[in-house]
């Protein structure tokens, strides 16, 4: 299998770097694109295409199985990414992430859009750390060096990125999918996943525990696919 790890548009690839290293150490192929420059264009389609291009650039798959894994705000993009990669087998893993509807259109802002509009300054949403305040981010990532690396990557994303409609690919629900729940804010999505018959793993903790415990989450992601 090859894992494509997709970071939320409001953070950078550092959030997945530890998990990527752990998956590689376990013998898996991993693609970890940096999608920040595409997010700041304000066009979700640019981020989708960037992730697809990264998956294709990695070369042919040994067994034809691509696992697309997304965290947090990347969730609504996963079906579009997976549907655009022509491989025999595809799987999706949503990690504390939003799930798009089965059909129709959605947006990256979702139910949080009004709050983002209220925060935006001259059409740009502040960096993610400013949404919650320094104490909250410090609580999510206690290690100073690790937190500094994550905060150094935070982009300022235009509000239009969160407002733009994203067409949901037809029949994306036929792609094998799984869900990993870290905290209560994403309980509704986890319940949706369970109602749709997906495997669901609950590992109560913080939203950025993929950063704090990368080996554990690499094992969870690999196991839920098996």
C-alpha atoms as a PDB file:
ATOM      1  CA  UNK A   1       0.000   0.000   0.000  1.00  0.00           C
ATOM      2  CA  UNK A   2       0.937   3.606  -0.463  1.00  0.00           C
ATOM      3  CA  UNK A   3      -0.321   6.201   1.981  1.00  0.00           C
ATOM      4  CA  UNK A   4      -1.117   9.743   0.853  1.00  0.00           C
ATOM      5  CA  UNK A   5      -1.238  11.918   3.970  1.00  0.00           C
ATOM      6  CA  UNK A   6      -3.218  15.129   3.445  1.00  0.00           C
ATOM      7  CA  UNK A   7      -2.850  17.932   5.966  1.00  0.00           C
ATOM      8  CA  UNK A   8      -5.606  20.382   6.809  1.00  0.00           C
ATOM      9  CA  UNK A   9      -5.532  23.516   4.630  1.00  0.00           C
ATOM     10  CA  UNK A  10      -4.977  25.682   7.723  1.00  0.00           C
ATOM     11  CA  UNK A  11      -1.807  23.889   8.859  1.00  0.00           C
ATOM     12  CA  UNK A  12       1.209  22.350   7.134  1.00  0.00           C
ATOM     13  CA  UNK A  13       2.744  18.933   6.534  1.00  0.00           C
ATOM     14  CA  UNK A  14       4.536  18.998   9.899  1.00  0.00           C
ATOM     15  CA  UNK A  15       1.303  17.736  11.452  1.00  0.00           C
ATOM     16  CA  UNK A  16       1.760  14.440   9.565  1.00  0.00           C
ATOM     17  CA  UNK A  17       5.569  14.234   9.466  1.00  0.00           C
ATOM     18  CA  UNK A  18       5.964  11.989  12.496  1.00  0.00           C
ATOM     19  CA  UNK A  19       3.262   9.596  11.290  1.00  0.00           C
ATOM     20  CA  UNK A  20       4.873   9.537   7.843  1.00  0.00           C
ATOM     21  CA  UNK A  21       8.242   8.612   9.354  1.00  0.00           C
ATOM     22  CA  UNK A  22       6.634   5.880  11.461  1.00  0.00           C
ATOM     23  CA  UNK A  23       4.785   4.393   8.475  1.00  0.00           C
ATOM     24  CA  UNK A  24       7.985   4.371   6.420  1.00  0.00           C
ATOM     25  CA  UNK A  25       9.843   2.715   9.274  1.00  0.00           C
ATOM     26  CA  UNK A  26       7.169  -0.002   9.228  1.00  0.00           C
ATOM     27  CA  UNK A  27       7.860  -0.602   5.520  1.00  0.00           C
ATOM     28  CA  UNK A  28       5.075   1.411   3.898  1.00  0.00           C
ATOM     29  CA  UNK A  29       5.370   3.858   1.017  1.00  0.00           C
ATOM     30  CA  UNK A  30       4.269   7.355   2.008  1.00  0.00           C
ATOM     31  CA  UNK A  31       3.551  10.566   0.103  1.00  0.00           C
ATOM     32  CA  UNK A  32       3.344  13.743   2.181  1.00  0.00           C
ATOM     33  CA  UNK A  33       2.713  16.796  -0.027  1.00  0.00           C
ATOM     34  CA  UNK A  34       3.027  20.386   1.122  1.00  0.00           C
ATOM     35  CA  UNK A  35      -0.255  21.982   0.048  1.00  0.00           C
ATOM     36  CA  UNK A  36       0.049  25.353   1.756  1.00  0.00           C
ATOM     37  CA  UNK A  37       0.876  27.420  -1.344  1.00  0.00           C
ATOM     38  CA  UNK A  38      -2.188  25.938  -3.022  1.00  0.00           C
ATOM     39  CA  UNK A  39      -4.457  26.682  -0.065  1.00  0.00           C
ATOM     40  CA  UNK A  40      -3.510  30.359  -0.071  1.00  0.00           C
ATOM     41  CA  UNK A  41      -4.745  30.657  -3.666  1.00  0.00           C
ATOM     42  CA  UNK A  42      -8.224  30.428  -2.173  1.00  0.00           C
ATOM     43  CA  UNK A  43      -9.212  27.584  -4.501  1.00  0.00           C
ATOM     44  CA  UNK A  44      -9.996  24.160  -2.958  1.00  0.00           C
ATOM     45  CA  UNK A  45      -9.661  22.574  -6.397  1.00  0.00           C
ATOM     46  CA  UNK A  46      -6.009  23.647  -6.458  1.00  0.00           C
ATOM     47  CA  UNK A  47      -5.390  21.746  -3.229  1.00  0.00           C
ATOM     48  CA  UNK A  48      -7.216  18.694  -4.570  1.00  0.00           C
ATOM     49  CA  UNK A  49      -5.190  18.708  -7.791  1.00  0.00           C
ATOM     50  CA  UNK A  50      -1.970  19.248  -5.870  1.00  0.00           C
ATOM     51  CA  UNK A  51      -2.593  16.185  -3.734  1.00  0.00           C
ATOM     52  CA  UNK A  52      -3.508  14.122  -6.804  1.00  0.00           C
ATOM     53  CA  UNK A  53      -0.365  15.256  -8.634  1.00  0.00           C
ATOM     54  CA  UNK A  54       1.760  14.296  -5.624  1.00  0.00           C
ATOM     55  CA  UNK A  55       0.221  10.818  -5.531  1.00  0.00           C
ATOM     56  CA  UNK A  56       0.813  10.294  -9.247  1.00  0.00           C
ATOM     57  CA  UNK A  57       4.346  11.674  -9.160  1.00  0.00           C
ATOM     58  CA  UNK A  58       5.342   9.025  -6.643  1.00  0.00           C
ATOM     59  CA  UNK A  59       5.243   6.436  -9.417  1.00  0.00           C
ATOM     60  CA  UNK A  60       3.291   3.214  -9.971  1.00  0.00           C
ATOM     61  CA  UNK A  61       1.842   1.377  -6.994  1.00  0.00           C
ATOM     62  CA  UNK A  62       3.245  -2.087  -6.311  1.00  0.00           C
ATOM     63  CA  UNK A  63      -0.149  -3.541  -5.428  1.00  0.00           C
ATOM     64  CA  UNK A  64      -2.376  -0.826  -6.868  1.00  0.00           C
ATOM     65  CA  UNK A  65      -3.710   0.231  -3.439  1.00  0.00           C
ATOM     66  CA  UNK A  66      -3.670   3.913  -2.468  1.00  0.00           C
ATOM     67  CA  UNK A  67      -4.789   4.921   1.025  1.00  0.00           C
ATOM     68  CA  UNK A  68      -5.754   8.605   1.250  1.00  0.00           C
ATOM     69  CA  UNK A  69      -5.631   9.840   4.845  1.00  0.00           C
ATOM     70  CA  UNK A  70      -6.834  13.271   5.911  1.00  0.00           C
ATOM     71  CA  UNK A  71      -6.899  15.138   9.194  1.00  0.00           C
ATOM     72  CA  UNK A  72      -9.340  17.805  10.340  1.00  0.00           C
ATOM     73  CA  UNK A  73     -10.258  20.237   7.549  1.00  0.00           C
ATOM     74  CA  UNK A  74      -8.792  17.950   4.888  1.00  0.00           C
ATOM     75  CA  UNK A  75     -11.714  15.558   5.325  1.00  0.00           C
ATOM     76  CA  UNK A  76     -14.067  17.230   2.845  1.00  0.00           C
ATOM     77  CA  UNK A  77     -11.355  17.007   0.158  1.00  0.00           C
ATOM     78  CA  UNK A  78     -10.581  13.303   0.488  1.00  0.00           C
ATOM     79  CA  UNK A  79     -13.295  11.861  -1.803  1.00  0.00           C
ATOM     80  CA  UNK A  80     -12.337  14.304  -4.572  1.00  0.00           C
ATOM     81  CA  UNK A  81      -8.663  13.375  -4.240  1.00  0.00           C
ATOM     82  CA  UNK A  82      -9.236   9.626  -4.169  1.00  0.00           C
ATOM     83  CA  UNK A  83     -11.731   9.695  -7.046  1.00  0.00           C
ATOM     84  CA  UNK A  84      -9.233  11.508  -9.275  1.00  0.00           C
ATOM     85  CA  UNK A  85      -6.459   8.922  -8.852  1.00  0.00           C
ATOM     86  CA  UNK A  86      -6.942   6.011 -11.246  1.00  0.00           C
ATOM     87  CA  UNK A  87      -5.730   2.970  -9.318  1.00  0.00           C
ATOM     88  CA  UNK A  88      -7.317  -0.485  -8.851  1.00  0.00           C
ATOM     89  CA  UNK A  89      -7.880  -0.057  -5.111  1.00  0.00           C
ATOM     90  CA  UNK A  90      -8.504   3.041  -3.018  1.00  0.00           C
ATOM     91  CA  UNK A  91      -9.236   3.547   0.657  1.00  0.00           C
ATOM     92  CA  UNK A  92     -10.039   6.618   2.721  1.00  0.00           C
ATOM     93  CA  UNK A  93      -9.192   7.248   6.364  1.00  0.00           C
ATOM     94  CA  UNK A  94     -10.716  10.295   8.064  1.00  0.00           C
ATOM     95  CA  UNK A  95      -8.786  11.245  11.218  1.00  0.00           C
ATOM     96  CA  UNK A  96     -10.780  13.642  13.429  1.00  0.00           C
ATOM     97  CA  UNK A  97     -12.044  15.103  10.179  1.00  0.00           C
ATOM     98  CA  UNK A  98     -15.224  16.330   8.570  1.00  0.00           C
ATOM     99  CA  UNK A  99     -17.063  13.952   6.247  1.00  0.00           C
ATOM    100  CA  UNK A 100     -18.726  15.413   3.132  1.00  0.00           C
ATOM    101  CA  UNK A 101     -22.240  14.364   2.133  1.00  0.00           C
ATOM    102  CA  UNK A 102     -22.848  11.390  -0.136  1.00  0.00           C
ATOM    103  CA  UNK A 103     -23.876  13.687  -2.980  1.00  0.00           C
ATOM    104  CA  UNK A 104     -24.306  17.308  -3.932  1.00  0.00           C
ATOM    105  CA  UNK A 105     -21.889  20.018  -2.856  1.00  0.00           C
ATOM    106  CA  UNK A 106     -20.127  21.031   0.320  1.00  0.00           C
ATOM    107  CA  UNK A 107     -17.533  23.593   1.400  1.00  0.00           C
ATOM    108  CA  UNK A 108     -14.351  23.628   3.437  1.00  0.00           C
ATOM    109  CA  UNK A 109     -15.987  26.030   5.897  1.00  0.00           C
ATOM    110  CA  UNK A 110     -19.039  23.873   6.549  1.00  0.00           C
ATOM    111  CA  UNK A 111     -20.881  24.719   9.743  1.00  0.00           C
ATOM    112  CA  UNK A 112     -17.915  26.822  10.897  1.00  0.00           C
ATOM    113  CA  UNK A 113     -18.252  29.296   8.044  1.00  0.00           C
ATOM    114  CA  UNK A 114     -20.027  32.060   9.960  1.00  0.00           C
ATOM    115  CA  UNK A 115     -17.278  32.026  12.592  1.00  0.00           C
ATOM    116  CA  UNK A 116     -14.600  32.234   9.895  1.00  0.00           C
ATOM    117  CA  UNK A 117     -16.371  35.176   8.280  1.00  0.00           C
ATOM    118  CA  UNK A 118     -16.427  36.966  11.616  1.00  0.00           C
ATOM    119  CA  UNK A 119     -12.675  36.435  12.077  1.00  0.00           C
ATOM    120  CA  UNK A 120     -11.607  37.350   8.537  1.00  0.00           C
ATOM    121  CA  UNK A 121      -9.698  40.584   7.970  1.00  0.00           C
ATOM    122  CA  UNK A 122      -9.754  42.001   4.446  1.00  0.00           C
ATOM    123  CA  UNK A 123     -10.909  38.630   3.134  1.00  0.00           C
ATOM    124  CA  UNK A 124      -8.186  36.596   4.855  1.00  0.00           C
ATOM    125  CA  UNK A 125      -8.680  34.276   7.812  1.00  0.00           C
ATOM    126  CA  UNK A 126      -6.007  34.581  10.534  1.00  0.00           C
ATOM    127  CA  UNK A 127      -3.564  31.755  11.109  1.00  0.00           C
ATOM    128  CA  UNK A 128      -5.135  28.751  12.810  1.00  0.00           C
ATOM    129  CA  UNK A 129      -3.309  29.343  16.115  1.00  0.00           C
ATOM    130  CA  UNK A 130      -5.032  32.714  16.406  1.00  0.00           C
ATOM    131  CA  UNK A 131      -8.441  31.055  16.297  1.00  0.00           C
ATOM    132  CA  UNK A 132      -8.006  29.540  19.725  1.00  0.00           C
ATOM    133  CA  UNK A 133      -5.222  31.455  21.467  1.00  0.00           C
ATOM    134  CA  UNK A 134      -1.698  30.368  22.481  1.00  0.00           C
ATOM    135  CA  UNK A 135      -2.777  28.494  25.607  1.00  0.00           C
ATOM    136  CA  UNK A 136      -5.014  26.167  23.611  1.00  0.00           C
ATOM    137  CA  UNK A 137      -2.321  25.370  21.047  1.00  0.00           C
ATOM    138  CA  UNK A 138       0.212  24.774  23.818  1.00  0.00           C
ATOM    139  CA  UNK A 139      -2.202  22.324  25.387  1.00  0.00           C
ATOM    140  CA  UNK A 140      -2.646  20.476  22.094  1.00  0.00           C
ATOM    141  CA  UNK A 141       1.115  20.217  21.440  1.00  0.00           C
ATOM    142  CA  UNK A 142       3.028  20.435  24.758  1.00  0.00           C
ATOM    143  CA  UNK A 143       6.529  20.016  23.285  1.00  0.00           C
ATOM    144  CA  UNK A 144       7.927  23.489  22.559  1.00  0.00           C
ATOM    145  CA  UNK A 145      10.085  22.532  19.567  1.00  0.00           C
ATOM    146  CA  UNK A 146       7.348  20.493  17.925  1.00  0.00           C
ATOM    147  CA  UNK A 147       4.785  23.239  18.458  1.00  0.00           C
ATOM    148  CA  UNK A 148       7.168  25.851  17.030  1.00  0.00           C
ATOM    149  CA  UNK A 149       7.674  23.731  13.893  1.00  0.00           C
ATOM    150  CA  UNK A 150       3.917  23.472  13.388  1.00  0.00           C
ATOM    151  CA  UNK A 151       3.259  27.157  14.036  1.00  0.00           C
ATOM    152  CA  UNK A 152       6.024  28.152  11.596  1.00  0.00           C
ATOM    153  CA  UNK A 153       4.049  26.460   8.813  1.00  0.00           C
ATOM    154  CA  UNK A 154       0.622  27.964   9.468  1.00  0.00           C
ATOM    155  CA  UNK A 155      -0.695  29.769   6.353  1.00  0.00           C
ATOM    156  CA  UNK A 156      -3.116  32.657   6.115  1.00  0.00           C
ATOM    157  CA  UNK A 157      -5.904  31.240   3.978  1.00  0.00           C
ATOM    158  CA  UNK A 158      -8.363  33.474   2.086  1.00  0.00           C
ATOM    159  CA  UNK A 159     -11.961  33.313   3.246  1.00  0.00           C
ATOM    160  CA  UNK A 160     -13.046  32.365  -0.270  1.00  0.00           C
ATOM    161  CA  UNK A 161     -11.296  29.009   0.174  1.00  0.00           C
ATOM    162  CA  UNK A 162     -13.816  28.110   2.870  1.00  0.00           C
ATOM    163  CA  UNK A 163     -16.782  29.545   0.966  1.00  0.00           C
ATOM    164  CA  UNK A 164     -16.131  27.932  -2.421  1.00  0.00           C
ATOM    165  CA  UNK A 165     -18.499  25.075  -3.325  1.00  0.00           C
ATOM    166  CA  UNK A 166     -16.860  21.664  -3.656  1.00  0.00           C
ATOM    167  CA  UNK A 167     -18.779  19.206  -5.809  1.00  0.00           C
ATOM    168  CA  UNK A 168     -18.909  15.795  -4.176  1.00  0.00           C
ATOM    169  CA  UNK A 169     -17.803  13.038  -6.593  1.00  0.00           C
ATOM    170  CA  UNK A 170     -20.549  10.682  -7.685  1.00  0.00           C
ATOM    171  CA  UNK A 171     -20.528   7.319  -5.918  1.00  0.00           C
ATOM    172  CA  UNK A 172     -17.580   8.241  -3.713  1.00  0.00           C
ATOM    173  CA  UNK A 173     -19.280   6.324  -0.913  1.00  0.00           C
ATOM    174  CA  UNK A 174     -18.348   3.127  -2.736  1.00  0.00           C
ATOM    175  CA  UNK A 175     -14.705   3.756  -1.777  1.00  0.00           C
ATOM    176  CA  UNK A 176     -13.708   1.724   1.284  1.00  0.00           C
ATOM    177  CA  UNK A 177     -13.572   4.206   4.171  1.00  0.00           C
ATOM    178  CA  UNK A 178     -12.715   4.296   7.875  1.00  0.00           C
ATOM    179  CA  UNK A 179     -12.814   6.822  10.698  1.00  0.00           C
ATOM    180  CA  UNK A 180     -10.514   7.607  13.630  1.00  0.00           C
ATOM    181  CA  UNK A 181     -12.042   9.795  16.346  1.00  0.00           C
ATOM    182  CA  UNK A 182      -9.870  11.767  18.736  1.00  0.00           C
ATOM    183  CA  UNK A 183     -12.313  14.114  20.447  1.00  0.00           C
ATOM    184  CA  UNK A 184     -15.926  15.134  20.944  1.00  0.00           C
ATOM    185  CA  UNK A 185     -15.971  18.012  18.420  1.00  0.00           C
ATOM    186  CA  UNK A 186     -15.986  15.384  15.656  1.00  0.00           C
ATOM    187  CA  UNK A 187     -18.396  12.993  17.363  1.00  0.00           C
ATOM    188  CA  UNK A 188     -21.133  13.713  14.792  1.00  0.00           C
ATOM    189  CA  UNK A 189     -18.813  12.722  11.948  1.00  0.00           C
ATOM    190  CA  UNK A 190     -17.785   9.546  13.745  1.00  0.00           C
ATOM    191  CA  UNK A 191     -21.459   8.702  14.304  1.00  0.00           C
ATOM    192  CA  UNK A 192     -22.127   9.297  10.616  1.00  0.00           C
ATOM    193  CA  UNK A 193     -19.267   6.965   9.718  1.00  0.00           C
ATOM    194  CA  UNK A 194     -20.635   4.275  12.029  1.00  0.00           C
ATOM    195  CA  UNK A 195     -24.138   4.685  10.607  1.00  0.00           C
ATOM    196  CA  UNK A 196     -22.730   4.218   7.113  1.00  0.00           C
ATOM    197  CA  UNK A 197     -21.107   0.969   8.233  1.00  0.00           C
ATOM    198  CA  UNK A 198     -17.493   2.136   8.301  1.00  0.00           C
ATOM    199  CA  UNK A 199     -14.944   0.814  10.795  1.00  0.00           C
ATOM    200  CA  UNK A 200     -14.541   3.432  13.538  1.00  0.00           C
ATOM    201  CA  UNK A 201     -11.679   3.596  16.036  1.00  0.00           C
ATOM    202  CA  UNK A 202     -11.996   5.881  19.046  1.00  0.00           C
ATOM    203  CA  UNK A 203      -8.805   7.071  20.704  1.00  0.00           C
ATOM    204  CA  UNK A 204      -9.844   9.852  23.088  1.00  0.00           C
ATOM    205  CA  UNK A 205      -7.348  12.678  23.357  1.00  0.00           C
ATOM    206  CA  UNK A 206      -6.409  15.946  21.695  1.00  0.00           C
ATOM    207  CA  UNK A 207      -7.033  17.039  18.128  1.00  0.00           C
ATOM    208  CA  UNK A 208      -3.284  17.114  17.370  1.00  0.00           C
ATOM    209  CA  UNK A 209      -2.338  13.842  19.005  1.00  0.00           C
ATOM    210  CA  UNK A 210      -1.191  12.653  15.582  1.00  0.00           C
ATOM    211  CA  UNK A 211       1.734  14.998  16.281  1.00  0.00           C
ATOM    212  CA  UNK A 212       2.280  13.930  19.885  1.00  0.00           C
ATOM    213  CA  UNK A 213       2.011  10.155  19.349  1.00  0.00           C
ATOM    214  CA  UNK A 214       2.954   9.470  15.734  1.00  0.00           C
ATOM    215  CA  UNK A 215       3.926   5.820  16.187  1.00  0.00           C
ATOM    216  CA  UNK A 216       0.583   5.021  17.793  1.00  0.00           C
ATOM    217  CA  UNK A 217      -1.389   6.694  15.004  1.00  0.00           C
ATOM    218  CA  UNK A 218       0.699   5.131  12.277  1.00  0.00           C
ATOM    219  CA  UNK A 219      -0.228   1.753  13.743  1.00  0.00           C
ATOM    220  CA  UNK A 220      -3.911   2.705  14.048  1.00  0.00           C
ATOM    221  CA  UNK A 221      -4.085   3.855  10.416  1.00  0.00           C
ATOM    222  CA  UNK A 222      -2.319   0.754   9.108  1.00  0.00           C
ATOM    223  CA  UNK A 223      -4.449  -1.559  11.249  1.00  0.00           C
ATOM    224  CA  UNK A 224      -7.791  -0.006  10.322  1.00  0.00           C
ATOM    225  CA  UNK A 225      -6.974  -0.555   6.636  1.00  0.00           C
ATOM    226  CA  UNK A 226      -6.131  -4.208   7.271  1.00  0.00           C
END
